[in-house]
Amino acid sequence: MNDLEHRRILVVEDEVFVALDVAATVEDANGTVVGPVGTVRQAIDLINRQEVDAAIRTSISQTEMWNRCWTG
């Protein structure tokens, strides 16, 4: 499978084993893993420094989602 070939995918996950599993899945699809990072703040900082084609966040609390929506 080469669906992610030449794509840089940011993995955002605070649970290390989940992050490693997601990263392995991205690599299996020939994508390039950026990160992983454990917080949305770290993800934003990394996005500001590196080229990223997409981000995967496996779980996000409703509180965190609303805070991000309202505060950017």
Foldseek 3Di string as FASTA:
>chain_A
DQPAAPAEEEEEAQDVVVSVVVCVVCVVNVHHYDDHHHDPVVVVVVVVVDPHDYYDYPDDDPVRVVCVVVVD
